[in-house]
């Protein structure tokens, strides 16, 4: 009977470990360090699903991208680096030579400044591998003040970086 208990504990530990790898909650902070909300990333058979829930954002369309470093230093979040691009493609969801792995569709903040969107980052993963968002120290999710035009190099002419969240291994 004791061995059944031990097997149960091993199974429970394995499930908990796997859940940590396939689900990440990212706090999205503005340039003043205020939390605007969260992005919940979940491993999906097609890539990574991102549930974005923010408030306090200017109404209208905003570009959003995964950037190459898990660094979110204000006032401009340039510490996050460029868009995450492990396959060395050009920027833009509408670009035939693209997109960067970190390129996402624009999101819209409603009249109250709230964003409640679900996005899909195709071919990305939260697990180990070439397109892992948690490789090395991780990556970041960056929200811009304007919409991404889907084509202009290197970042879609989406304006200033207004919010950032770290996607890290732990």
N, C-alpha and C. Protein backbone atom coordinates (compact mmCIF):
# COMPACT_ATOMS: atom_id res chain seq x y z
N UNK A 1 0.82 -1.19 0.00
CA UNK A 1 0.00 0.00 0.00
C UNK A 1 0.87 1.26 0.00
N UNK A 2 1.97 1.18 0.68
CA UNK A 2 2.86 2.32 0.78
C UNK A 2 3.39 2.71 -0.61
N UNK A 3 3.68 1.72 -1.47
CA UNK A 3 4.22 2.01 -2.79
C UNK A 3 3.20 2.75 -3.65
N UNK A 4 1.90 2.51 -3.45
CA UNK A 4 0.86 3.24 -4.18
C UNK A 4 0.90 4.72 -3.79
N UNK A 5 1.07 4.96 -2.50
CA UNK A 5 1.18 6.34 -2.02
C UNK A 5 2.38 7.04 -2.66
N UNK A 6 3.53 6.36 -2.73
CA UNK A 6 4.73 6.94 -3.34
C UNK A 6 4.54 7.19 -4.83
N UNK A 7 3.90 6.28 -5.52
CA UNK A 7 3.60 6.48 -6.94
C UNK A 7 2.69 7.70 -7.14
N UNK A 8 1.72 7.84 -6.25
CA UNK A 8 0.83 9.00 -6.32
C UNK A 8 1.61 10.29 -6.14
N UNK A 9 2.53 10.33 -5.18
CA UNK A 9 3.34 11.53 -4.95
C UNK A 9 4.22 11.85 -6.16
N UNK A 10 4.80 10.83 -6.77
CA UNK A 10 5.63 11.03 -7.97
C UNK A 10 4.77 11.58 -9.10
N UNK A 11 3.60 11.01 -9.29
CA UNK A 11 2.67 11.48 -10.33
C UNK A 11 2.28 12.93 -10.09
N UNK A 12 1.96 13.27 -8.85
CA UNK A 12 1.57 14.63 -8.49
C UNK A 12 2.71 15.61 -8.75
N UNK A 13 3.92 15.24 -8.40
CA UNK A 13 5.09 16.09 -8.65
C UNK A 13 5.31 16.29 -10.14
N UNK A 14 5.14 15.25 -10.92
CA UNK A 14 5.32 15.36 -12.38
C UNK A 14 4.26 16.28 -12.98
N UNK A 15 3.05 16.19 -12.52
CA UNK A 15 1.98 17.05 -13.04
C UNK A 15 2.23 18.51 -12.67
N UNK A 16 2.67 18.76 -11.46
CA UNK A 16 2.96 20.12 -11.02
C UNK A 16 4.11 20.70 -11.83
N UNK A 17 5.14 19.91 -12.05
CA UNK A 17 6.30 20.38 -12.81
C UNK A 17 5.88 20.72 -14.24
N UNK A 18 5.09 19.88 -14.86
CA UNK A 18 4.63 20.11 -16.23
C UNK A 18 3.76 21.35 -16.30
N UNK A 19 2.92 21.58 -15.30
CA UNK A 19 2.06 22.76 -15.30
C UNK A 19 2.90 24.03 -15.23
N UNK A 20 3.99 24.02 -14.46
CA UNK A 20 4.87 25.17 -14.38
C UNK A 20 5.49 25.49 -15.73
N UNK A 21 5.76 24.47 -16.53
CA UNK A 21 6.40 24.66 -17.83
C UNK A 21 5.42 25.09 -18.91
N UNK A 22 4.15 24.77 -18.77
CA UNK A 22 3.20 25.02 -19.85
C UNK A 22 2.23 26.17 -19.56
N UNK A 23 2.45 26.88 -18.46
CA UNK A 23 1.61 28.02 -18.10
C UNK A 23 2.48 29.08 -17.44
N UNK A 24 2.43 30.29 -17.97
CA UNK A 24 3.20 31.41 -17.41
C UNK A 24 2.27 32.60 -17.26
N UNK A 25 2.29 33.22 -16.09
CA UNK A 25 1.55 34.46 -15.89
C UNK A 25 2.57 35.60 -15.84
N UNK A 26 2.37 36.57 -16.72
CA UNK A 26 3.30 37.67 -16.89
C UNK A 26 2.64 38.97 -16.44
N UNK A 27 3.26 39.66 -15.49
CA UNK A 27 2.77 40.97 -15.05
C UNK A 27 3.21 42.02 -16.07
N UNK A 28 2.25 42.79 -16.59
CA UNK A 28 2.55 43.84 -17.57
C UNK A 28 2.61 45.18 -16.83
N UNK A 29 3.78 45.83 -16.90
CA UNK A 29 4.02 47.08 -16.18
C UNK A 29 4.19 48.24 -17.16
N UNK A 30 3.70 49.42 -16.76
CA UNK A 30 3.92 50.60 -17.59
C UNK A 30 5.26 51.23 -17.24
N UNK A 31 5.60 52.36 -17.88
CA UNK A 31 6.91 52.99 -17.68
C UNK A 31 7.10 53.51 -16.25
N UNK A 32 6.02 53.70 -15.50
CA UNK A 32 6.12 54.13 -14.11
C UNK A 32 6.22 52.95 -13.14
N UNK A 33 6.18 51.73 -13.67
CA UNK A 33 6.24 50.54 -12.83
C UNK A 33 4.90 50.09 -12.29
N UNK A 34 3.81 50.73 -12.76
CA UNK A 34 2.47 50.34 -12.33
C UNK A 34 1.99 49.12 -13.12
N UNK A 35 1.37 48.19 -12.42
CA UNK A 35 0.85 47.00 -13.08
C UNK A 35 -0.45 47.34 -13.82
N UNK A 36 -0.44 47.09 -15.13
CA UNK A 36 -1.63 47.33 -15.95
C UNK A 36 -2.51 46.09 -16.05
N UNK A 37 -1.96 44.94 -15.72
CA UNK A 37 -2.70 43.69 -15.82
C UNK A 37 -1.75 42.55 -16.09
N UNK A 38 -2.28 41.49 -16.70
CA UNK A 38 -1.49 40.29 -16.93
C UNK A 38 -1.65 39.75 -18.34
N UNK A 39 -0.65 38.98 -18.71
CA UNK A 39 -0.71 38.15 -19.91
C UNK A 39 -0.50 36.73 -19.42
N UNK A 40 -1.45 35.86 -19.70
CA UNK A 40 -1.32 34.47 -19.30
C UNK A 40 -0.98 33.65 -20.54
N UNK A 41 0.19 33.03 -20.53
CA UNK A 41 0.68 32.25 -21.66
C UNK A 41 0.48 30.78 -21.38
N UNK A 42 -0.06 30.07 -22.36
CA UNK A 42 -0.34 28.65 -22.21
C UNK A 42 0.17 27.90 -23.42
N UNK A 43 0.86 26.79 -23.18
CA UNK A 43 1.32 25.92 -24.26
C UNK A 43 0.11 25.37 -25.00
N UNK A 44 0.20 25.33 -26.32
CA UNK A 44 -0.91 24.93 -27.17
C UNK A 44 -0.32 24.06 -28.29
N UNK A 45 -1.07 23.12 -28.86
CA UNK A 45 -0.51 22.29 -29.94
C UNK A 45 0.01 23.11 -31.14
N UNK A 46 -0.53 24.30 -31.36
CA UNK A 46 -0.11 25.13 -32.50
C UNK A 46 0.94 26.16 -32.11
N UNK A 47 1.21 26.33 -30.82
CA UNK A 47 2.15 27.35 -30.37
C UNK A 47 1.86 27.74 -28.93
N UNK A 48 1.78 29.05 -28.70
CA UNK A 48 1.50 29.56 -27.35
C UNK A 48 0.29 30.48 -27.43
N UNK A 49 -0.71 30.23 -26.59
CA UNK A 49 -1.87 31.11 -26.48
C UNK A 49 -1.56 32.17 -25.44
N UNK A 50 -1.98 33.40 -25.72
CA UNK A 50 -1.75 34.52 -24.82
C UNK A 50 -3.09 35.17 -24.50
N UNK A 51 -3.48 35.13 -23.24
CA UNK A 51 -4.70 35.80 -22.78
C UNK A 51 -4.26 37.11 -22.14
N UNK A 52 -4.59 38.22 -22.79
CA UNK A 52 -4.14 39.54 -22.37
C UNK A 52 -5.29 40.28 -21.71
N UNK A 53 -5.10 40.70 -20.45
CA UNK A 53 -6.10 41.47 -19.71
C UNK A 53 -5.40 42.67 -19.10
N UNK A 54 -5.61 43.84 -19.71
CA UNK A 54 -4.97 45.07 -19.26
C UNK A 54 -6.00 46.17 -19.07
N UNK A 55 -5.64 47.16 -18.26
CA UNK A 55 -6.46 48.37 -18.13
C UNK A 55 -5.53 49.57 -17.95
N UNK A 56 -6.05 50.76 -18.20
CA UNK A 56 -5.23 51.96 -18.09
C UNK A 56 -4.42 52.25 -19.33
N UNK A 57 -4.85 51.71 -20.47
CA UNK A 57 -4.18 51.90 -21.75
C UNK A 57 -4.98 52.91 -22.55
N UNK A 58 -4.31 53.74 -23.35
CA UNK A 58 -5.06 54.70 -24.17
C UNK A 58 -5.94 53.94 -25.17
N UNK A 59 -7.20 54.40 -25.33
CA UNK A 59 -8.10 53.72 -26.27
C UNK A 59 -7.52 53.69 -27.69
N UNK A 60 -7.83 52.62 -28.39
CA UNK A 60 -7.38 52.46 -29.78
C UNK A 60 -6.52 51.22 -29.95
N UNK A 61 -5.92 51.12 -31.14
CA UNK A 61 -5.14 49.95 -31.53
C UNK A 61 -3.69 50.08 -31.09
N UNK A 62 -3.13 48.92 -30.69
CA UNK A 62 -1.75 48.88 -30.19
C UNK A 62 -1.04 47.65 -30.75
N UNK A 63 0.22 47.86 -31.16
CA UNK A 63 1.05 46.73 -31.54
C UNK A 63 1.54 46.02 -30.28
N UNK A 64 1.74 44.73 -30.42
CA UNK A 64 2.26 43.93 -29.31
C UNK A 64 3.17 42.86 -29.90
N UNK A 65 4.31 42.66 -29.26
CA UNK A 65 5.30 41.72 -29.78
C UNK A 65 6.03 41.04 -28.63
N UNK A 66 6.57 39.86 -28.91
CA UNK A 66 7.52 39.23 -28.01
C UNK A 66 8.89 39.76 -28.42
N UNK A 67 9.65 40.25 -27.44
CA UNK A 67 10.99 40.78 -27.68
C UNK A 67 12.05 39.81 -27.15
N UNK A 68 13.28 39.99 -27.56
CA UNK A 68 14.32 38.98 -27.38
C UNK A 68 14.91 38.84 -25.98
N UNK A 69 14.73 39.81 -25.09
CA UNK A 69 15.32 39.71 -23.75
C UNK A 69 14.27 39.91 -22.67
N UNK A 70 14.45 39.22 -21.55
CA UNK A 70 13.55 39.36 -20.40
C UNK A 70 14.02 40.54 -19.54
N UNK A 71 14.05 41.71 -20.16
CA UNK A 71 14.47 42.94 -19.47
C UNK A 71 13.45 44.02 -19.78
N UNK A 72 12.92 44.64 -18.75
CA UNK A 72 11.89 45.67 -18.90
C UNK A 72 12.29 46.91 -18.11
N UNK A 73 13.34 47.57 -18.55
CA UNK A 73 13.84 48.74 -17.83
C UNK A 73 13.23 50.01 -18.40
N UNK A 74 12.51 50.79 -17.54
CA UNK A 74 11.95 52.05 -17.99
C UNK A 74 13.07 53.06 -18.24
N UNK A 75 12.85 54.14 -18.94
CA UNK A 75 11.52 54.63 -19.32
C UNK A 75 11.04 54.16 -20.69
N UNK A 76 11.91 53.46 -21.46
CA UNK A 76 11.51 53.15 -22.84
C UNK A 76 11.51 51.66 -23.18
N UNK A 77 11.89 50.82 -22.24
CA UNK A 77 11.92 49.36 -22.41
C UNK A 77 12.79 48.89 -23.58
N UNK A 78 13.73 49.72 -24.02
CA UNK A 78 14.64 49.28 -25.09
C UNK A 78 15.52 48.13 -24.62
N UNK A 79 15.62 47.93 -23.31
CA UNK A 79 16.38 46.81 -22.76
C UNK A 79 15.82 45.47 -23.20
N UNK A 80 14.55 45.45 -23.65
CA UNK A 80 13.92 44.22 -24.12
C UNK A 80 14.48 43.77 -25.48
N UNK A 81 15.25 44.66 -26.13
CA UNK A 81 15.84 44.31 -27.41
C UNK A 81 14.84 44.40 -28.55
N UNK A 82 15.15 43.70 -29.62
CA UNK A 82 14.32 43.67 -30.82
C UNK A 82 13.25 42.59 -30.71
N UNK A 83 12.42 42.48 -31.72
CA UNK A 83 11.43 41.40 -31.75
C UNK A 83 12.17 40.06 -31.74
N UNK A 84 11.56 39.10 -31.07
CA UNK A 84 12.14 37.75 -31.00
C UNK A 84 12.08 37.15 -32.39
N UNK A 85 13.24 36.78 -32.93
CA UNK A 85 13.33 36.38 -34.33
C UNK A 85 14.37 35.27 -34.53
N UNK A 86 14.16 34.09 -33.93
CA UNK A 86 15.16 33.02 -34.03
C UNK A 86 15.33 32.46 -35.44
N UNK A 87 14.38 32.72 -36.34
CA UNK A 87 14.47 32.18 -37.70
C UNK A 87 14.96 33.21 -38.70
N UNK A 88 15.40 34.39 -38.23
CA UNK A 88 15.99 35.43 -39.06
C UNK A 88 15.09 35.82 -40.24
N UNK A 89 13.83 36.11 -39.93
CA UNK A 89 12.88 36.54 -40.96
C UNK A 89 12.69 38.05 -40.88
N UNK A 90 11.95 38.61 -41.80
CA UNK A 90 11.63 40.03 -41.77
C UNK A 90 10.39 40.25 -40.93
N UNK A 91 10.19 41.51 -40.51
CA UNK A 91 9.06 41.84 -39.67
C UNK A 91 7.75 41.85 -40.47
N UNK A 92 6.68 41.47 -39.80
CA UNK A 92 5.34 41.72 -40.30
C UNK A 92 4.52 40.49 -40.62
N UNK A 93 3.31 40.48 -40.07
CA UNK A 93 2.38 39.38 -40.36
C UNK A 93 1.92 39.40 -41.81
N UNK A 94 2.06 40.55 -42.48
CA UNK A 94 1.66 40.64 -43.89
C UNK A 94 2.86 40.59 -44.84
N UNK A 95 4.03 40.39 -44.30
CA UNK A 95 5.25 40.37 -45.11
C UNK A 95 5.51 38.96 -45.62
N UNK A 96 5.67 38.76 -46.94
CA UNK A 96 5.93 37.43 -47.47
C UNK A 96 7.27 36.85 -47.00
N UNK A 97 8.20 37.70 -46.53
CA UNK A 97 9.48 37.23 -46.01
C UNK A 97 9.47 37.17 -44.48
N UNK A 98 8.31 37.27 -43.90
CA UNK A 98 8.16 37.28 -42.45
C UNK A 98 7.24 36.16 -42.04
N UNK A 99 6.77 36.25 -40.85
CA UNK A 99 7.01 37.26 -39.82
C UNK A 99 8.11 36.82 -38.85
N UNK A 100 8.50 37.76 -37.96
CA UNK A 100 9.31 37.38 -36.81
C UNK A 100 8.47 36.43 -35.97
N UNK A 101 9.09 35.54 -35.25
CA UNK A 101 8.33 34.65 -34.36
C UNK A 101 7.55 35.46 -33.34
N UNK A 102 8.09 36.61 -32.92
CA UNK A 102 7.46 37.44 -31.90
C UNK A 102 6.39 38.39 -32.40
N UNK A 103 6.10 38.40 -33.70
CA UNK A 103 5.06 39.29 -34.23
C UNK A 103 3.67 38.75 -33.90
N UNK A 104 2.83 39.64 -33.38
CA UNK A 104 1.45 39.30 -33.01
C UNK A 104 0.49 40.28 -33.66
N UNK A 105 -0.79 39.92 -33.78
CA UNK A 105 -1.78 40.87 -34.30
C UNK A 105 -1.97 42.04 -33.32
N UNK A 106 -2.38 43.17 -33.84
CA UNK A 106 -2.69 44.33 -33.00
C UNK A 106 -3.81 43.99 -32.03
N UNK A 107 -3.83 44.70 -30.91
CA UNK A 107 -4.91 44.57 -29.93
C UNK A 107 -5.57 45.93 -29.77
N UNK A 108 -6.85 45.92 -29.39
CA UNK A 108 -7.59 47.17 -29.25
C UNK A 108 -8.00 47.40 -27.80
N UNK A 109 -7.65 48.58 -27.31
CA UNK A 109 -8.14 49.01 -26.00
C UNK A 109 -9.47 49.72 -26.22
N UNK A 110 -10.48 49.34 -25.46
CA UNK A 110 -11.80 49.96 -25.62
C UNK A 110 -11.80 51.39 -25.07
N UNK A 111 -12.93 52.03 -25.09
CA UNK A 111 -13.05 53.41 -24.63
C UNK A 111 -12.69 53.62 -23.17
N UNK A 112 -12.75 52.55 -22.38
CA UNK A 112 -12.36 52.62 -20.97
C UNK A 112 -10.89 52.29 -20.76
N UNK A 113 -10.16 52.05 -21.86
CA UNK A 113 -8.74 51.74 -21.75
C UNK A 113 -8.44 50.30 -21.36
N UNK A 114 -9.40 49.41 -21.60
CA UNK A 114 -9.22 48.00 -21.25
C UNK A 114 -8.95 47.16 -22.49
N UNK A 115 -8.06 46.22 -22.35
CA UNK A 115 -7.77 45.23 -23.39
C UNK A 115 -8.08 43.87 -22.80
N UNK A 116 -8.92 43.11 -23.49
CA UNK A 116 -9.26 41.74 -23.11
C UNK A 116 -9.24 40.92 -24.39
N UNK A 117 -8.09 40.39 -24.72
CA UNK A 117 -7.88 39.71 -26.00
C UNK A 117 -7.21 38.37 -25.79
N UNK A 118 -7.45 37.44 -26.71
CA UNK A 118 -6.72 36.19 -26.73
C UNK A 118 -5.99 36.11 -28.06
N UNK A 119 -4.69 35.89 -27.99
CA UNK A 119 -3.83 35.85 -29.16
C UNK A 119 -3.16 34.49 -29.26
N UNK A 120 -2.64 34.19 -30.44
CA UNK A 120 -1.92 32.93 -30.64
C UNK A 120 -0.58 33.25 -31.27
N UNK A 121 0.49 32.76 -30.66
CA UNK A 121 1.83 32.91 -31.19
C UNK A 121 2.20 31.56 -31.80
N UNK A 122 1.96 31.44 -33.11
CA UNK A 122 2.17 30.18 -33.81
C UNK A 122 3.63 29.76 -33.80
N UNK A 123 3.86 28.47 -33.68
CA UNK A 123 5.18 27.83 -33.74
C UNK A 123 6.08 28.16 -32.56
N UNK A 124 5.61 28.90 -31.57
CA UNK A 124 6.39 29.17 -30.37
C UNK A 124 6.11 28.08 -29.33
N UNK A 125 6.94 28.02 -28.31
CA UNK A 125 6.74 27.05 -27.24
C UNK A 125 7.21 27.63 -25.91
N UNK A 126 6.66 27.12 -24.83
CA UNK A 126 7.13 27.43 -23.48
C UNK A 126 8.08 26.35 -22.98
N UNK A 127 8.25 25.30 -23.77
CA UNK A 127 9.13 24.20 -23.42
C UNK A 127 10.50 24.41 -24.07
N UNK A 128 11.42 23.51 -23.83
CA UNK A 128 12.73 23.60 -24.47
C UNK A 128 12.58 23.44 -25.97
N UNK A 129 13.43 24.11 -26.72
CA UNK A 129 13.42 23.97 -28.17
C UNK A 129 13.83 25.25 -28.86
N UNK A 130 13.94 25.17 -30.17
CA UNK A 130 14.42 26.30 -30.98
C UNK A 130 13.58 27.55 -30.78
N UNK A 131 12.29 27.44 -30.74
CA UNK A 131 11.40 28.60 -30.65
C UNK A 131 10.84 28.82 -29.25
N UNK A 132 11.64 28.46 -28.25
CA UNK A 132 11.20 28.60 -26.87
C UNK A 132 11.24 30.05 -26.41
N UNK A 133 10.15 30.50 -25.81
CA UNK A 133 10.07 31.84 -25.26
C UNK A 133 10.83 31.96 -23.94
N UNK A 134 11.19 30.82 -23.35
CA UNK A 134 11.90 30.85 -22.08
C UNK A 134 13.37 30.45 -22.23
N UNK A 135 13.89 30.45 -23.44
CA UNK A 135 15.30 30.09 -23.66
C UNK A 135 16.19 31.02 -22.86
N UNK A 136 17.34 30.51 -22.45
CA UNK A 136 18.29 31.26 -21.63
C UNK A 136 17.56 31.94 -20.46
N UNK A 137 17.60 33.28 -20.40
CA UNK A 137 16.91 33.98 -19.30
C UNK A 137 15.46 34.32 -19.62
N UNK A 138 15.04 34.10 -20.85
CA UNK A 138 13.66 34.38 -21.24
C UNK A 138 13.54 35.46 -22.28
N UNK A 139 12.32 35.93 -22.48
CA UNK A 139 11.98 36.96 -23.45
C UNK A 139 11.05 37.95 -22.74
N UNK A 140 10.46 38.86 -23.49
CA UNK A 140 9.49 39.79 -22.89
C UNK A 140 8.35 40.05 -23.85
N UNK A 141 7.24 40.51 -23.30
CA UNK A 141 6.07 40.89 -24.07
C UNK A 141 5.96 42.40 -23.96
N UNK A 142 5.94 43.09 -25.11
CA UNK A 142 5.95 44.55 -25.12
C UNK A 142 4.74 45.09 -25.87
N UNK A 143 4.05 46.04 -25.24
CA UNK A 143 2.91 46.73 -25.84
C UNK A 143 3.38 48.11 -26.31
N UNK A 144 2.96 48.50 -27.51
CA UNK A 144 3.35 49.78 -28.11
C UNK A 144 2.18 50.75 -28.10
N UNK A 145 2.49 52.05 -28.24
CA UNK A 145 1.42 53.06 -28.17
C UNK A 145 0.62 53.19 -29.45
N UNK A 146 1.07 52.64 -30.55
CA UNK A 146 0.33 52.71 -31.81
C UNK A 146 0.21 51.33 -32.44
N UNK A 147 -0.57 51.23 -33.51
CA UNK A 147 -0.74 49.93 -34.17
C UNK A 147 0.48 49.57 -35.02
N UNK A 148 0.70 48.29 -35.17
CA UNK A 148 1.74 47.75 -36.05
C UNK A 148 1.13 47.70 -37.45
N UNK A 149 1.86 48.23 -38.44
CA UNK A 149 1.33 48.23 -39.81
C UNK A 149 1.50 46.89 -40.51
N UNK A 150 2.15 45.93 -39.86
CA UNK A 150 2.26 44.58 -40.40
C UNK A 150 3.33 44.40 -41.46
N UNK A 151 4.14 45.44 -41.70
CA UNK A 151 5.09 45.30 -42.80
C UNK A 151 6.40 46.09 -42.61
N UNK A 152 6.33 47.33 -42.13
CA UNK A 152 7.50 48.21 -42.06
C UNK A 152 8.61 47.59 -41.21
N UNK A 153 9.84 47.69 -41.71
CA UNK A 153 11.01 47.15 -41.02
C UNK A 153 11.59 48.20 -40.08
N UNK A 154 12.09 47.83 -38.94
CA UNK A 154 12.17 46.46 -38.43
C UNK A 154 11.06 46.11 -37.46
N UNK A 155 10.13 47.08 -37.18
CA UNK A 155 9.17 46.79 -36.10
C UNK A 155 7.74 47.25 -36.36
N UNK A 156 7.38 47.56 -37.58
CA UNK A 156 5.99 47.86 -37.89
C UNK A 156 5.55 49.27 -37.61
N UNK A 157 6.49 50.18 -37.32
CA UNK A 157 6.16 51.58 -37.09
C UNK A 157 5.06 51.72 -36.03
N UNK A 158 5.18 50.93 -34.94
CA UNK A 158 4.13 50.89 -33.92
C UNK A 158 4.36 51.85 -32.76
N UNK A 159 5.40 52.67 -32.84
CA UNK A 159 5.58 53.72 -31.84
C UNK A 159 6.31 53.28 -30.59
N UNK A 160 6.17 54.12 -29.57
CA UNK A 160 6.87 53.92 -28.30
C UNK A 160 6.41 52.65 -27.60
N UNK A 161 7.29 52.11 -26.80
CA UNK A 161 6.98 50.94 -25.96
C UNK A 161 6.37 51.47 -24.66
N UNK A 162 5.14 51.08 -24.38
CA UNK A 162 4.42 51.65 -23.23
C UNK A 162 4.19 50.67 -22.09
N UNK A 163 4.37 49.39 -22.33
CA UNK A 163 4.22 48.38 -21.27
C UNK A 163 5.09 47.19 -21.61
N UNK A 164 5.55 46.51 -20.55
CA UNK A 164 6.46 45.39 -20.74
C UNK A 164 6.26 44.37 -19.64
N UNK A 165 6.40 43.10 -19.99
CA UNK A 165 6.34 42.02 -19.01
C UNK A 165 7.37 40.95 -19.34
N UNK A 166 8.03 40.42 -18.34
CA UNK A 166 9.08 39.43 -18.52
C UNK A 166 8.50 38.01 -18.60
N UNK A 167 8.92 37.28 -19.62
CA UNK A 167 8.56 35.86 -19.77
C UNK A 167 9.80 35.08 -19.39
N UNK A 168 9.81 34.54 -18.19
CA UNK A 168 11.02 33.90 -17.67
C UNK A 168 10.78 32.43 -17.34
N UNK A 169 11.89 31.66 -17.24
CA UNK A 169 11.76 30.23 -16.95
C UNK A 169 11.04 29.93 -15.64
N UNK A 170 11.23 30.73 -14.62
CA UNK A 170 10.60 30.45 -13.31
C UNK A 170 9.57 31.50 -12.98
